[in-house]
Protein backbone atom coordinates (compact mmCIF):
# COMPACT_ATOMS: atom_id res chain seq x y z
CA UNK A 1 74.14 67.77 167.18
CA UNK A 2 77.24 65.82 165.85
CA UNK A 3 79.62 66.76 163.67
CA UNK A 4 80.10 65.43 160.23
CA UNK A 5 83.17 63.54 160.08
CA UNK A 6 86.87 64.91 159.11
CA UNK A 7 88.33 65.14 155.71
CA UNK A 8 91.41 65.19 154.00
CA UNK A 9 92.63 68.47 153.05
CA UNK A 10 91.85 69.32 149.41
CA UNK A 11 95.46 70.80 149.22
CA UNK A 12 97.32 68.07 147.09
CA UNK A 13 99.33 66.25 149.24
CA UNK A 14 98.11 67.24 152.14
CA UNK A 15 96.92 64.23 154.67
CA UNK A 16 95.31 66.78 157.58
CA UNK A 17 91.93 65.90 158.56
CA UNK A 18 89.61 68.90 158.55
CA UNK A 19 86.46 69.93 158.68
CA UNK A 20 86.70 72.83 156.04
CA UNK A 21 87.88 72.72 152.58
CA UNK A 22 91.57 72.89 153.49
CA UNK A 23 93.43 72.30 156.50
CA UNK A 24 94.64 75.52 158.88
CA UNK A 25 98.26 75.77 157.18
CA UNK A 26 96.50 75.75 153.64
CA UNK A 27 93.94 78.43 154.36
CA UNK A 28 96.36 80.43 156.13
CA UNK A 29 98.45 79.95 152.72
CA UNK A 30 95.83 81.15 150.31
CA UNK A 31 95.07 84.11 152.62
CA UNK A 32 98.84 85.54 152.25
CA UNK A 33 98.90 84.39 148.36
CA UNK A 34 95.48 86.52 148.02
CA UNK A 35 97.39 89.53 150.08
CA UNK A 36 100.33 89.48 147.92
CA UNK A 37 98.77 89.74 144.33
CA UNK A 38 96.48 92.26 145.78
CA UNK A 39 97.35 96.12 145.12
CA UNK A 40 98.14 98.12 148.01
CA UNK A 41 95.22 100.34 149.57
CA UNK A 42 96.87 103.88 148.09
CA UNK A 43 97.15 101.71 144.49
CA UNK A 44 93.10 101.16 144.84
CA UNK A 45 92.51 104.60 145.61
CA UNK A 46 92.58 104.93 149.57
CA UNK A 47 95.66 107.02 149.90
CA UNK A 48 96.02 110.56 151.37
CA UNK A 49 92.96 112.40 149.67
CA UNK A 50 90.40 109.42 150.47
CA UNK A 51 91.28 109.54 154.25
CA UNK A 52 90.82 113.25 154.45
CA UNK A 53 87.50 113.23 152.56
CA UNK A 54 86.48 109.95 154.51
CA UNK A 55 87.52 111.93 157.87
CA UNK A 56 85.39 115.25 156.62
CA UNK A 57 82.50 112.93 155.46
CA UNK A 58 82.59 110.97 159.29
CA UNK A 59 82.45 114.51 160.94
CA UNK A 60 79.42 115.72 158.85
CA UNK A 61 77.79 111.98 159.34
CA UNK A 62 78.84 110.63 162.81
CA UNK A 63 76.14 107.82 163.10
CA UNK A 64 76.11 104.31 161.25
CA UNK A 65 73.35 104.61 158.82
CA UNK A 66 72.16 100.74 158.86
CA UNK A 67 72.11 100.67 163.18
CA UNK A 68 69.91 104.07 162.71
CA UNK A 69 67.38 101.89 160.42
CA UNK A 70 67.28 99.15 163.31
CA UNK A 71 66.69 102.27 165.91
CA UNK A 72 70.22 101.88 167.16
CA UNK A 73 72.79 104.70 168.14
CA UNK A 74 76.01 103.80 167.41
CA UNK A 75 79.25 106.23 166.03
CA UNK A 76 80.08 105.20 162.51
CA UNK A 77 83.53 104.47 161.92
CA UNK A 78 83.78 103.40 158.32
CA UNK A 79 82.66 105.67 155.02
CA UNK A 80 81.60 103.04 153.00
CA UNK A 81 80.53 102.48 149.14
CA UNK A 82 76.93 101.59 148.99
CA UNK A 83 77.25 100.31 145.18
CA UNK A 84 81.23 99.08 145.52
CA UNK A 85 83.21 100.96 142.94
CA UNK A 86 85.43 97.95 141.78
CA UNK A 87 87.79 100.17 140.34
CA UNK A 88 85.16 103.01 138.64
CA UNK A 89 87.06 106.58 139.83
CA UNK A 90 83.77 108.50 139.30
CA UNK A 91 81.65 106.19 141.58
CA UNK A 92 84.54 105.97 143.95
CA UNK A 93 84.36 109.54 144.28
CA UNK A 94 80.65 109.91 144.11
CA UNK A 95 79.41 111.20 147.50
CA UNK A 96 75.80 110.28 147.02
CA UNK A 97 77.37 106.62 147.17
CA UNK A 98 78.89 106.93 150.51
CA UNK A 99 77.41 106.08 153.38
CA UNK A 100 78.54 106.22 157.27
CA UNK A 101 79.17 102.71 158.96
CA UNK A 102 80.13 101.40 162.24
CA UNK A 103 82.94 98.41 162.01
CA UNK A 104 80.45 95.75 162.71
CA UNK A 105 77.84 96.95 159.91
CA UNK A 106 80.51 97.36 157.38
CA UNK A 107 82.56 93.85 158.18
CA UNK A 108 78.61 92.45 157.55
CA UNK A 109 78.11 94.09 154.14
CA UNK A 110 81.60 93.35 153.06
CA UNK A 111 81.58 89.54 153.81
CA UNK A 112 77.95 89.56 151.72
CA UNK A 113 78.90 91.10 148.94
CA UNK A 114 82.91 89.89 148.62
CA UNK A 115 82.44 86.73 150.70
CA UNK A 116 85.30 85.99 152.65
CA UNK A 117 88.64 87.33 151.97
CA UNK A 118 87.27 88.76 148.70
CA UNK A 119 86.38 85.46 146.86
CA UNK A 120 83.07 84.84 145.97
């Protein structure tokens, strides 16, 4: 299947041709800006207490919930919030809102919910 013709980067003044909205240089700049403006993981609630609770949860629930639904046995690596808490502390700590996921399933779920780099 043929590719569409490249077009100029959407960044003002950039004449680089790309198949994306922005050229590689300006996509990187957008990610750096996003990261610079984002609060630290500890400020978002993922500090020592969360790490301790998450480790305990994964010891109690060692297999990926999504993989189990598909009949696969894969170890869980991440404690995921089923419903995104979006800063709600009660929902953040509600263990009934937690599920064990492998890295692949967690990445897939996060990308589906948030889009790339947290932008919809």
